[in-house]
Amino acid sequence: MLKLQLVESLDEVKTNIKRFNDDLIKDYDGEDLGLIGFLSTFHQWYYIDDLYLFGPSKFIGYKHMDSYTYKNKHGLHADGRETEKALRSLGFVETKDPSLHVKLEFFT
């Protein structure tokens, strides 16, 4: 049984969040990577302050995630609850900062 591997370091999360945002920009520019269609399905978003970037847990919480893998993850036992635990173990916490919520609403 194939299973996606959870991230184990902040560097892995940063790589994924950069890739997510780069791929989303490419998607908006017409490359049709398919992420735009998933935006409304993402529930748990995370923000990395020093990068000024948001990313959904189910994308940034797995090692070596990319748009192709995300779109074709069925059968790979992807579970957002697992990614949320992995991200919490790396120090991510829920925020009530209203300015971040406004930025996220604009982003999605």
PDB file of N, CA and C in Angstrom:
ATOM      1  N   MET A   1       0.844  -1.174   0.000  1.00  0.00           N
ATOM      2  CA  MET A   1       0.000   0.000   0.000  1.00  0.00           C
ATOM      3  C   MET A   1       0.893   1.243   0.000  1.00  0.00           C
ATOM      4  N   LEU A   2       0.680   2.097  -0.960  1.00  0.00           N
ATOM      5  CA  LEU A   2       1.444   3.341  -1.039  1.00  0.00           C
ATOM      6  C   LEU A   2       0.870   4.358  -0.065  1.00  0.00           C
ATOM      7  N   LYS A   3       1.760   5.101   0.546  1.00  0.00           N
ATOM      8  CA  LYS A   3       1.328   6.135   1.480  1.00  0.00           C
ATOM      9  C   LYS A   3       2.289   7.312   1.375  1.00  0.00           C
ATOM     10  N   LEU A   4       1.741   8.508   1.360  1.00  0.00           N
ATOM     11  CA  LEU A   4       2.563   9.708   1.355  1.00  0.00           C
ATOM     12  C   LEU A   4       3.277   9.834   2.691  1.00  0.00           C
ATOM     13  N   GLN A   5       4.495  10.332   2.661  1.00  0.00           N
ATOM     14  CA  GLN A   5       5.293  10.516   3.871  1.00  0.00           C
ATOM     15  C   GLN A   5       5.106  11.934   4.403  1.00  0.00           C
ATOM     16  N   LEU A   6       4.933  12.055   5.709  1.00  0.00           N
ATOM     17  CA  LEU A   6       4.751  13.360   6.335  1.00  0.00           C
ATOM     18  C   LEU A   6       6.067  14.122   6.418  1.00  0.00           C
ATOM     19  N   VAL A   7       5.985  15.446   6.354  1.00  0.00           N
ATOM     20  CA  VAL A   7       7.174  16.287   6.512  1.00  0.00           C
ATOM     21  C   VAL A   7       7.742  16.113   7.913  1.00  0.00           C
ATOM     22  N   GLU A   8       9.053  16.301   8.004  1.00  0.00           N
ATOM     23  CA  GLU A   8       9.727  16.145   9.288  1.00  0.00           C
ATOM     24  C   GLU A   8      10.533  17.370   9.689  1.00  0.00           C
ATOM     25  N   SER A   9      10.553  18.376   8.813  1.00  0.00           N
ATOM     26  CA  SER A   9      11.332  19.571   9.134  1.00  0.00           C
ATOM     27  C   SER A   9      10.669  20.815   8.552  1.00  0.00           C
ATOM     28  N   LEU A  10      11.006  21.941   9.147  1.00  0.00           N
ATOM     29  CA  LEU A  10      10.496  23.211   8.652  1.00  0.00           C
ATOM     30  C   LEU A  10      10.996  23.482   7.229  1.00  0.00           C
ATOM     31  N   ASP A  11      12.220  23.050   6.917  1.00  0.00           N
ATOM     32  CA  ASP A  11      12.737  23.244   5.560  1.00  0.00           C
ATOM     33  C   ASP A  11      11.878  22.525   4.522  1.00  0.00           C
ATOM     34  N   GLU A  12      11.399  21.329   4.864  1.00  0.00           N
ATOM     35  CA  GLU A  12      10.518  20.607   3.935  1.00  0.00           C
ATOM     36  C   GLU A  12       9.204  21.350   3.745  1.00  0.00           C
ATOM     37  N   VAL A  13       8.672  21.907   4.821  1.00  0.00           N
ATOM     38  CA  VAL A  13       7.432  22.677   4.735  1.00  0.00           C
ATOM     39  C   VAL A  13       7.646  23.919   3.876  1.00  0.00           C
ATOM     40  N   LYS A  14       8.765  24.600   4.096  1.00  0.00           N
ATOM     41  CA  LYS A  14       9.058  25.808   3.311  1.00  0.00           C
ATOM     42  C   LYS A  14       9.189  25.484   1.828  1.00  0.00           C
ATOM     43  N   THR A  15       9.843  24.390   1.511  1.00  0.00           N
ATOM     44  CA  THR A  15       9.965  23.984   0.101  1.00  0.00           C
ATOM     45  C   THR A  15       8.585  23.749  -0.496  1.00  0.00           C
ATOM     46  N   ASN A  16       7.724  23.054   0.245  1.00  0.00           N
ATOM     47  CA  ASN A  16       6.379  22.759  -0.252  1.00  0.00           C
ATOM     48  C   ASN A  16       5.525  24.009  -0.388  1.00  0.00           C
ATOM     49  N   ILE A  17       5.618  24.912   0.573  1.00  0.00           N
ATOM     50  CA  ILE A  17       4.775  26.102   0.516  1.00  0.00           C
ATOM     51  C   ILE A  17       5.217  27.008  -0.643  1.00  0.00           C
ATOM     52  N   LYS A  18       6.516  27.052  -0.899  1.00  0.00           N
ATOM     53  CA  LYS A  18       7.004  27.807  -2.071  1.00  0.00           C
ATOM     54  C   LYS A  18       6.499  27.163  -3.352  1.00  0.00           C
ATOM     55  N   ARG A  19       6.579  25.840  -3.430  1.00  0.00           N
ATOM     56  CA  ARG A  19       6.118  25.129  -4.630  1.00  0.00           C
ATOM     57  C   ARG A  19       4.620  25.346  -4.832  1.00  0.00           C
ATOM     58  N   PHE A  20       3.841  25.258  -3.753  1.00  0.00           N
ATOM     59  CA  PHE A  20       2.399  25.475  -3.860  1.00  0.00           C
ATOM     60  C   PHE A  20       2.111  26.850  -4.451  1.00  0.00           C
ATOM     61  N   ASN A  21       2.744  27.873  -3.915  1.00  0.00           N
ATOM     62  CA  ASN A  21       2.496  29.235  -4.386  1.00  0.00           C
ATOM     63  C   ASN A  21       3.010  29.445  -5.805  1.00  0.00           C
ATOM     64  N   ASP A  22       4.173  28.894  -6.133  1.00  0.00           N
ATOM     65  CA  ASP A  22       4.691  28.991  -7.506  1.00  0.00           C
ATOM     66  C   ASP A  22       3.750  28.297  -8.484  1.00  0.00           C
ATOM     67  N   ASP A  23       3.280  27.101  -8.116  1.00  0.00           N
ATOM     68  CA  ASP A  23       2.373  26.361  -9.000  1.00  0.00           C
ATOM     69  C   ASP A  23       1.030  27.062  -9.137  1.00  0.00           C
ATOM     70  N   LEU A  24       0.567  27.672  -8.059  1.00  0.00           N
ATOM     71  CA  LEU A  24      -0.695  28.403  -8.138  1.00  0.00           C
ATOM     72  C   LEU A  24      -0.573  29.597  -9.076  1.00  0.00           C
ATOM     73  N   ILE A  25       0.544  30.295  -9.022  1.00  0.00           N
ATOM     74  CA  ILE A  25       0.783  31.408  -9.947  1.00  0.00           C
ATOM     75  C   ILE A  25       0.811  30.896 -11.386  1.00  0.00           C
ATOM     76  N   LYS A  26       1.508  29.789 -11.613  1.00  0.00           N
ATOM     77  CA  LYS A  26       1.544  29.200 -12.958  1.00  0.00           C
ATOM     78  C   LYS A  26       0.139  28.836 -13.423  1.00  0.00           C
ATOM     79  N   ASP A  27      -0.659  28.312 -12.493  1.00  0.00           N
ATOM     80  CA  ASP A  27      -2.042  27.952 -12.807  1.00  0.00           C
ATOM     81  C   ASP A  27      -2.830  29.175 -13.260  1.00  0.00           C
ATOM     82  N   TYR A  28      -2.705  30.265 -12.515  1.00  0.00           N
ATOM     83  CA  TYR A  28      -3.399  31.502 -12.886  1.00  0.00           C
ATOM     84  C   TYR A  28      -2.873  32.074 -14.198  1.00  0.00           C
ATOM     85  N   ASP A  29      -1.609  31.778 -14.511  1.00  0.00           N
ATOM     86  CA  ASP A  29      -1.022  32.253 -15.761  1.00  0.00           C
ATOM     87  C   ASP A  29      -1.344  31.347 -16.947  1.00  0.00           C
ATOM     88  N   GLY A  30      -2.149  30.302 -16.719  1.00  0.00           N
ATOM     89  CA  GLY A  30      -2.622  29.484 -17.826  1.00  0.00           C
ATOM     90  C   GLY A  30      -1.951  28.144 -18.023  1.00  0.00           C
ATOM     91  N   GLU A  31      -1.069  27.731 -17.123  1.00  0.00           N
ATOM     92  CA  GLU A  31      -0.408  26.430 -17.306  1.00  0.00           C
ATOM     93  C   GLU A  31      -1.298  25.259 -16.917  1.00  0.00           C
ATOM     94  N   ASP A  32      -2.433  25.515 -16.298  1.00  0.00           N
ATOM     95  CA  ASP A  32      -3.418  24.498 -15.930  1.00  0.00           C
ATOM     96  C   ASP A  32      -2.815  23.342 -15.129  1.00  0.00           C
ATOM     97  N   LEU A  33      -2.259  23.690 -13.973  1.00  0.00           N
ATOM     98  CA  LEU A  33      -1.727  22.672 -13.071  1.00  0.00           C
ATOM     99  C   LEU A  33      -2.816  22.093 -12.173  1.00  0.00           C
ATOM    100  N   GLY A  34      -3.991  22.702 -12.194  1.00  0.00           N
ATOM    101  CA  GLY A  34      -5.143  22.152 -11.508  1.00  0.00           C
ATOM    102  C   GLY A  34      -5.344  22.572 -10.067  1.00  0.00           C
ATOM    103  N   LEU A  35      -4.494  23.416  -9.519  1.00  0.00           N
ATOM    104  CA  LEU A  35      -4.649  23.798  -8.119  1.00  0.00           C
ATOM    105  C   LEU A  35      -5.814  24.752  -7.884  1.00  0.00           C
ATOM    106  N   ILE A  36      -6.112  25.601  -8.848  1.00  0.00           N
ATOM    107  CA  ILE A  36      -7.184  26.577  -8.670  1.00  0.00           C
ATOM    108  C   ILE A  36      -8.492  25.874  -8.305  1.00  0.00           C
ATOM    109  N   GLY A  37      -8.763  24.770  -8.928  1.00  0.00           N
ATOM    110  CA  GLY A  37      -9.991  24.025  -8.657  1.00  0.00           C
ATOM    111  C   GLY A  37     -10.068  23.448  -7.257  1.00  0.00           C
ATOM    112  N   PHE A  38      -8.933  23.327  -6.587  1.00  0.00           N
ATOM    113  CA  PHE A  38      -8.907  22.774  -5.235  1.00  0.00           C
ATOM    114  C   PHE A  38      -9.000  23.842  -4.139  1.00  0.00           C
ATOM    115  N   LEU A  39      -8.855  25.113  -4.481  1.00  0.00           N
ATOM    116  CA  LEU A  39      -8.776  26.163  -3.458  1.00  0.00           C
ATOM    117  C   LEU A  39      -9.949  26.119  -2.478  1.00  0.00           C
ATOM    118  N   SER A  40     -11.138  25.883  -2.970  1.00  0.00           N
ATOM    119  CA  SER A  40     -12.297  25.881  -2.070  1.00  0.00           C
ATOM    120  C   SER A  40     -12.361  24.623  -1.208  1.00  0.00           C
ATOM    121  N   THR A  41     -11.577  23.610  -1.527  1.00  0.00           N
ATOM    122  CA  THR A  41     -11.607  22.367  -0.747  1.00  0.00           C
ATOM    123  C   THR A  41     -10.588  22.355   0.388  1.00  0.00           C
ATOM    124  N   PHE A  42      -9.661  23.284   0.375  1.00  0.00           N
ATOM    125  CA  PHE A  42      -8.662  23.342   1.436  1.00  0.00           C
ATOM    126  C   PHE A  42      -9.284  23.973   2.676  1.00  0.00           C
ATOM    127  N   HIS A  43      -9.121  23.324   3.817  1.00  0.00           N
ATOM    128  CA  HIS A  43      -9.729  23.816   5.050  1.00  0.00           C
ATOM    129  C   HIS A  43      -8.711  24.387   6.027  1.00  0.00           C
ATOM    130  N   GLN A  44      -7.572  23.758   6.159  1.00  0.00           N
ATOM    131  CA  GLN A  44      -6.567  24.191   7.132  1.00  0.00           C
ATOM    132  C   GLN A  44      -5.397  24.835   6.395  1.00  0.00           C
ATOM    133  N   TRP A  45      -5.247  26.126   6.600  1.00  0.00           N
ATOM    134  CA  TRP A  45      -4.196  26.890   5.951  1.00  0.00           C
ATOM    135  C   TRP A  45      -3.124  27.266   6.968  1.00  0.00           C
ATOM    136  N   TYR A  46      -1.898  27.320   6.495  1.00  0.00           N
ATOM    137  CA  TYR A  46      -0.766  27.686   7.353  1.00  0.00           C
ATOM    138  C   TYR A  46       0.003  28.811   6.690  1.00  0.00           C
ATOM    139  N   TYR A  47       0.620  29.633   7.526  1.00  0.00           N
ATOM    140  CA  TYR A  47       1.328  30.817   7.058  1.00  0.00           C
ATOM    141  C   TYR A  47       2.749  30.780   7.591  1.00  0.00           C
ATOM    142  N   ILE A  48       3.699  31.063   6.708  1.00  0.00           N
ATOM    143  CA  ILE A  48       5.094  31.167   7.131  1.00  0.00           C
ATOM    144  C   ILE A  48       5.483  32.629   7.013  1.00  0.00           C
ATOM    145  N   ASP A  49       5.697  33.217   8.169  1.00  0.00           N
ATOM    146  CA  ASP A  49       5.889  34.658   8.282  1.00  0.00           C
ATOM    147  C   ASP A  49       7.084  35.162   7.485  1.00  0.00           C
ATOM    148  N   ASP A  50       8.225  34.475   7.571  1.00  0.00           N
ATOM    149  CA  ASP A  50       9.411  34.992   6.884  1.00  0.00           C
ATOM    150  C   ASP A  50       9.330  34.845   5.369  1.00  0.00           C
ATOM    151  N   LEU A  51       8.393  34.041   4.874  1.00  0.00           N
ATOM    152  CA  LEU A  51       8.190  33.903   3.425  1.00  0.00           C
ATOM    153  C   LEU A  51       6.982  34.697   2.928  1.00  0.00           C
ATOM    154  N   TYR A  52       6.136  35.125   3.858  1.00  0.00           N
ATOM    155  CA  TYR A  52       4.879  35.802   3.525  1.00  0.00           C
ATOM    156  C   TYR A  52       4.003  34.942   2.621  1.00  0.00           C
ATOM    157  N   LEU A  53       3.935  33.639   2.935  1.00  0.00           N
ATOM    158  CA  LEU A  53       3.193  32.702   2.095  1.00  0.00           C
ATOM    159  C   LEU A  53       2.243  31.842   2.913  1.00  0.00           C
ATOM    160  N   PHE A  54       1.083  31.551   2.311  1.00  0.00           N
ATOM    161  CA  PHE A  54       0.112  30.610   2.852  1.00  0.00           C
ATOM    162  C   PHE A  54       0.210  29.299   2.087  1.00  0.00           C
ATOM    163  N   GLY A  55      -0.191  28.231   2.760  1.00  0.00           N
ATOM    164  CA  GLY A  55      -0.296  26.940   2.091  1.00  0.00           C
ATOM    165  C   GLY A  55      -1.236  26.036   2.858  1.00  0.00           C
ATOM    166  N   PRO A  56      -1.974  25.182   2.161  1.00  0.00           N
ATOM    167  CA  PRO A  56      -2.896  24.268   2.827  1.00  0.00           C
ATOM    168  C   PRO A  56      -2.160  23.059   3.412  1.00  0.00           C
ATOM    169  N   SER A  57      -2.650  22.571   4.542  1.00  0.00           N
ATOM    170  CA  SER A  57      -1.955  21.483   5.238  1.00  0.00           C
ATOM    171  C   SER A  57      -1.795  20.244   4.372  1.00  0.00           C
ATOM    172  N   LYS A  58      -2.807  19.910   3.594  1.00  0.00           N
ATOM    173  CA  LYS A  58      -2.748  18.668   2.809  1.00  0.00           C
ATOM    174  C   LYS A  58      -1.716  18.743   1.688  1.00  0.00           C
ATOM    175  N   PHE A  59      -1.283  19.936   1.343  1.00  0.00           N
ATOM    176  CA  PHE A  59      -0.233  20.090   0.333  1.00  0.00           C
ATOM    177  C   PHE A  59       1.128  20.227   1.004  1.00  0.00           C
ATOM    178  N   ILE A  60       1.220  21.086   1.997  1.00  0.00           N
ATOM    179  CA  ILE A  60       2.540  21.381   2.581  1.00  0.00           C
ATOM    180  C   ILE A  60       2.965  20.372   3.635  1.00  0.00           C
ATOM    181  N   GLY A  61       2.052  19.500   4.055  1.00  0.00           N
ATOM    182  CA  GLY A  61       2.353  18.558   5.124  1.00  0.00           C
ATOM    183  C   GLY A  61       2.932  17.233   4.685  1.00  0.00           C
ATOM    184  N   TYR A  62       3.072  17.012   3.388  1.00  0.00           N
ATOM    185  CA  TYR A  62       3.653  15.773   2.872  1.00  0.00           C
ATOM    186  C   TYR A  62       4.969  16.053   2.170  1.00  0.00           C
ATOM    187  N   LYS A  63       5.906  15.146   2.321  1.00  0.00           N
ATOM    188  CA  LYS A  63       7.222  15.293   1.683  1.00  0.00           C
ATOM    189  C   LYS A  63       7.080  15.305   0.166  1.00  0.00           C
ATOM    190  N   HIS A  64       7.867  16.171  -0.463  1.00  0.00           N
ATOM    191  CA  HIS A  64       8.008  16.214  -1.925  1.00  0.00           C
ATOM    192  C   HIS A  64       6.679  16.406  -2.664  1.00  0.00           C
ATOM    193  N   MET A  65       5.759  17.141  -2.061  1.00  0.00           N
ATOM    194  CA  MET A  65       4.465  17.356  -2.707  1.00  0.00           C
ATOM    195  C   MET A  65       4.628  18.313  -3.881  1.00  0.00           C
ATOM    196  N   ASP A  66       3.889  18.012  -4.936  1.00  0.00           N
ATOM    197  CA  ASP A  66       3.801  18.904  -6.091  1.00  0.00           C
ATOM    198  C   ASP A  66       2.382  18.828  -6.641  1.00  0.00           C
ATOM    199  N   SER A  67       2.077  19.646  -7.606  1.00  0.00           N
ATOM    200  CA  SER A  67       0.716  19.714  -8.139  1.00  0.00           C
ATOM    201  C   SER A  67       0.264  18.387  -8.723  1.00  0.00           C
ATOM    202  N   TYR A  68       1.138  17.729  -9.460  1.00  0.00           N
ATOM    203  CA  TYR A  68       0.778  16.456 -10.076  1.00  0.00           C
ATOM    204  C   TYR A  68       0.428  15.427  -9.004  1.00  0.00           C
ATOM    205  N   THR A  69       1.277  15.307  -7.989  1.00  0.00           N
ATOM    206  CA  THR A  69       1.029  14.348  -6.919  1.00  0.00           C
ATOM    207  C   THR A  69      -0.262  14.690  -6.185  1.00  0.00           C
ATOM    208  N   TYR A  70      -0.476  15.983  -5.925  1.00  0.00           N
ATOM    209  CA  TYR A  70      -1.692  16.370  -5.216  1.00  0.00           C
ATOM    210  C   TYR A  70      -2.934  15.991  -6.012  1.00  0.00           C
ATOM    211  N   LYS A  71      -2.941  16.285  -7.290  1.00  0.00           N
ATOM    212  CA  LYS A  71      -4.110  15.988  -8.116  1.00  0.00           C
ATOM    213  C   LYS A  71      -4.357  14.489  -8.227  1.00  0.00           C
ATOM    214  N   ASN A  72      -3.306  13.695  -8.090  1.00  0.00           N
ATOM    215  CA  ASN A  72      -3.414  12.247  -8.285  1.00  0.00           C
ATOM    216  C   ASN A  72      -3.187  11.476  -6.984  1.00  0.00           C
ATOM    217  N   LYS A  73      -3.543  12.081  -5.860  1.00  0.00           N
ATOM    218  CA  LYS A  73      -3.255  11.488  -4.553  1.00  0.00           C
ATOM    219  C   LYS A  73      -4.234  10.396  -4.148  1.00  0.00           C
ATOM    220  N   HIS A  74      -5.297  10.206  -4.886  1.00  0.00           N
ATOM    221  CA  HIS A  74      -6.276   9.179  -4.531  1.00  0.00           C
ATOM    222  C   HIS A  74      -5.577   7.824  -4.478  1.00  0.00           C
ATOM    223  N   GLY A  75      -5.843   7.077  -3.444  1.00  0.00           N
ATOM    224  CA  GLY A  75      -5.197   5.790  -3.258  1.00  0.00           C
ATOM    225  C   GLY A  75      -3.880   5.880  -2.504  1.00  0.00           C
ATOM    226  N   LEU A  76      -3.441   7.104  -2.182  1.00  0.00           N
ATOM    227  CA  LEU A  76      -2.185   7.277  -1.453  1.00  0.00           C
ATOM    228  C   LEU A  76      -2.432   7.572   0.025  1.00  0.00           C
ATOM    229  N   HIS A  77      -3.670   7.428   0.462  1.00  0.00           N
ATOM    230  CA  HIS A  77      -4.045   7.603   1.861  1.00  0.00           C
ATOM    231  C   HIS A  77      -3.638   8.963   2.415  1.00  0.00           C
ATOM    232  N   ALA A  78      -3.999  10.010   1.699  1.00  0.00           N
ATOM    233  CA  ALA A  78      -3.754  11.375   2.169  1.00  0.00           C
ATOM    234  C   ALA A  78      -4.832  11.735   3.188  1.00  0.00           C
ATOM    235  N   ASP A  79      -4.416  12.254   4.311  1.00  0.00           N
ATOM    236  CA  ASP A  79      -5.345  12.606   5.381  1.00  0.00           C
ATOM    237  C   ASP A  79      -4.886  13.912   6.023  1.00  0.00           C
ATOM    238  N   GLY A  80      -5.720  14.938   5.912  1.00  0.00           N
ATOM    239  CA  GLY A  80      -5.380  16.238   6.463  1.00  0.00           C
ATOM    240  C   GLY A  80      -5.160  16.225   7.965  1.00  0.00           C
ATOM    241  N   ARG A  81      -5.811  15.308   8.668  1.00  0.00           N
ATOM    242  CA  ARG A  81      -5.601  15.226  10.118  1.00  0.00           C
ATOM    243  C   ARG A  81      -4.157  14.834  10.430  1.00  0.00           C
ATOM    244  N   GLU A  82      -3.581  13.970   9.597  1.00  0.00           N
ATOM    245  CA  GLU A  82      -2.178  13.584   9.778  1.00  0.00           C
ATOM    246  C   GLU A  82      -1.244  14.758   9.517  1.00  0.00           C
ATOM    247  N   THR A  83      -1.521  15.507   8.450  1.00  0.00           N
ATOM    248  CA  THR A  83      -0.646  16.636   8.130  1.00  0.00           C
ATOM    249  C   THR A  83      -0.743  17.715   9.204  1.00  0.00           C
ATOM    250  N   GLU A  84      -1.940  17.920   9.740  1.00  0.00           N
ATOM    251  CA  GLU A  84      -2.093  18.914  10.797  1.00  0.00           C
ATOM    252  C   GLU A  84      -1.273  18.531  12.027  1.00  0.00           C
ATOM    253  N   LYS A  85      -1.274  17.252  12.397  1.00  0.00           N
ATOM    254  CA  LYS A  85      -0.459  16.790  13.528  1.00  0.00           C
ATOM    255  C   LYS A  85       1.026  17.006  13.247  1.00  0.00           C
ATOM    256  N   ALA A  86       1.442  16.674  12.040  1.00  0.00           N
ATOM    257  CA  ALA A  86       2.854  16.844  11.671  1.00  0.00           C
ATOM    258  C   ALA A  86       3.253  18.320  11.738  1.00  0.00           C
ATOM    259  N   LEU A  87       2.393  19.193  11.253  1.00  0.00           N
ATOM    260  CA  LEU A  87       2.688  20.625  11.268  1.00  0.00           C
ATOM    261  C   LEU A  87       2.699  21.174  12.692  1.00  0.00           C
ATOM    262  N   ARG A  88       1.773  20.707  13.529  1.00  0.00           N
ATOM    263  CA  ARG A  88       1.785  21.129  14.940  1.00  0.00           C
ATOM    264  C   ARG A  88       3.076  20.683  15.625  1.00  0.00           C
ATOM    265  N   SER A  89       3.550  19.490  15.293  1.00  0.00           N
ATOM    266  CA  SER A  89       4.781  18.993  15.922  1.00  0.00           C
ATOM    267  C   SER A  89       5.994  19.840  15.518  1.00  0.00           C
ATOM    268  N   LEU A  90       5.871  20.580  14.422  1.00  0.00           N
ATOM    269  CA  LEU A  90       6.947  21.466  13.976  1.00  0.00           C
ATOM    270  C   LEU A  90       6.767  22.892  14.497  1.00  0.00           C
ATOM    271  N   GLY A  91       5.767  23.091  15.335  1.00  0.00           N
ATOM    272  CA  GLY A  91       5.600  24.390  15.981  1.00  0.00           C
ATOM    273  C   GLY A  91       4.517  25.283  15.413  1.00  0.00           C
ATOM    274  N   PHE A  92       3.783  24.816  14.419  1.00  0.00           N
ATOM    275  CA  PHE A  92       2.699  25.642  13.884  1.00  0.00           C
ATOM    276  C   PHE A  92       1.541  25.658  14.873  1.00  0.00           C
ATOM    277  N   VAL A  93       0.963  26.834  15.060  1.00  0.00           N
ATOM    278  CA  VAL A  93      -0.160  26.990  15.982  1.00  0.00           C
ATOM    279  C   VAL A  93      -1.254  27.796  15.296  1.00  0.00           C
ATOM    280  N   GLU A  94      -2.474  27.603  15.781  1.00  0.00           N
ATOM    281  CA  GLU A  94      -3.599  28.374  15.257  1.00  0.00           C
ATOM    282  C   GLU A  94      -3.468  29.816  15.718  1.00  0.00           C
ATOM    283  N   THR A  95      -3.815  30.714  14.848  1.00  0.00           N
ATOM    284  CA  THR A  95      -3.737  32.136  15.201  1.00  0.00           C
ATOM    285  C   THR A  95      -5.117  32.770  15.101  1.00  0.00           C
ATOM    286  N   LYS A  96      -5.310  33.761  15.904  1.00  0.00           N
ATOM    287  CA  LYS A  96      -6.547  34.548  15.843  1.00  0.00           C
ATOM    288  C   LYS A  96      -6.262  35.937  15.285  1.00  0.00           C
ATOM    289  N   ASP A  97      -5.069  36.117  14.705  1.00  0.00           N
ATOM    290  CA  ASP A  97      -4.655  37.407  14.164  1.00  0.00           C
ATOM    291  C   ASP A  97      -5.588  37.796  13.013  1.00  0.00           C
ATOM    292  N   PRO A  98      -6.414  38.833  13.206  1.00  0.00           N
ATOM    293  CA  PRO A  98      -7.376  39.205  12.166  1.00  0.00           C
ATOM    294  C   PRO A  98      -6.719  39.618  10.852  1.00  0.00           C
ATOM    295  N   SER A  99      -5.523  40.177  10.902  1.00  0.00           N
ATOM    296  CA  SER A  99      -4.884  40.604   9.657  1.00  0.00           C
ATOM    297  C   SER A  99      -4.522  39.391   8.784  1.00  0.00           C
ATOM    298  N   LEU A 100      -4.145  38.297   9.410  1.00  0.00           N
ATOM    299  CA  LEU A 100      -3.855  37.086   8.635  1.00  0.00           C
ATOM    300  C   LEU A 100      -5.123  36.498   8.033  1.00  0.00           C
ATOM    301  N   HIS A 101      -6.209  36.548   8.767  1.00  0.00           N
ATOM    302  CA  HIS A 101      -7.477  36.038   8.245  1.00  0.00           C
ATOM    303  C   HIS A 101      -7.939  36.857   7.038  1.00  0.00           C
ATOM    304  N   VAL A 102      -7.722  38.159   7.086  1.00  0.00           N
ATOM    305  CA  VAL A 102      -8.070  39.019   5.952  1.00  0.00           C
ATOM    306  C   VAL A 102      -7.202  38.658   4.741  1.00  0.00           C
ATOM    307  N   LYS A 103      -5.906  38.477   4.962  1.00  0.00           N
ATOM    308  CA  LYS A 103      -5.000  38.110   3.872  1.00  0.00           C
ATOM    309  C   LYS A 103      -5.388  36.765   3.269  1.00  0.00           C
ATOM    310  N   LEU A 104      -5.755  35.819   4.105  1.00  0.00           N
ATOM    311  CA  LEU A 104      -6.145  34.500   3.606  1.00  0.00           C
ATOM    312  C   LEU A 104      -7.428  34.584   2.790  1.00  0.00           C
ATOM    313  N   GLU A 105      -8.391  35.357   3.243  1.00  0.00           N
ATOM    314  CA  GLU A 105      -9.627  35.518   2.477  1.00  0.00           C
ATOM    315  C   GLU A 105      -9.348  36.115   1.116  1.00  0.00           C
ATOM    316  N   PHE A 106      -8.425  37.065   1.055  1.00  0.00           N
ATOM    317  CA  PHE A 106      -8.046  37.657  -0.231  1.00  0.00           C
ATOM    318  C   PHE A 106      -7.353  36.630  -1.106  1.00  0.00           C
ATOM    319  N   PHE A 107      -6.520  35.804  -0.480  1.00  0.00           N
ATOM    320  CA  PHE A 107      -5.741  34.793  -1.182  1.00  0.00           C
ATOM    321  C   PHE A 107      -6.630  33.740  -1.815  1.00  0.00           C
ATOM    322  N   THR A 108      -7.649  33.299  -1.088  1.00  0.00           N
ATOM    323  CA  THR A 108      -8.508  32.234  -1.594  1.00  0.00           C
ATOM    324  C   THR A 108      -9.688  32.807  -2.326  1.00  0.00           C
TER     325      THR A 108
END
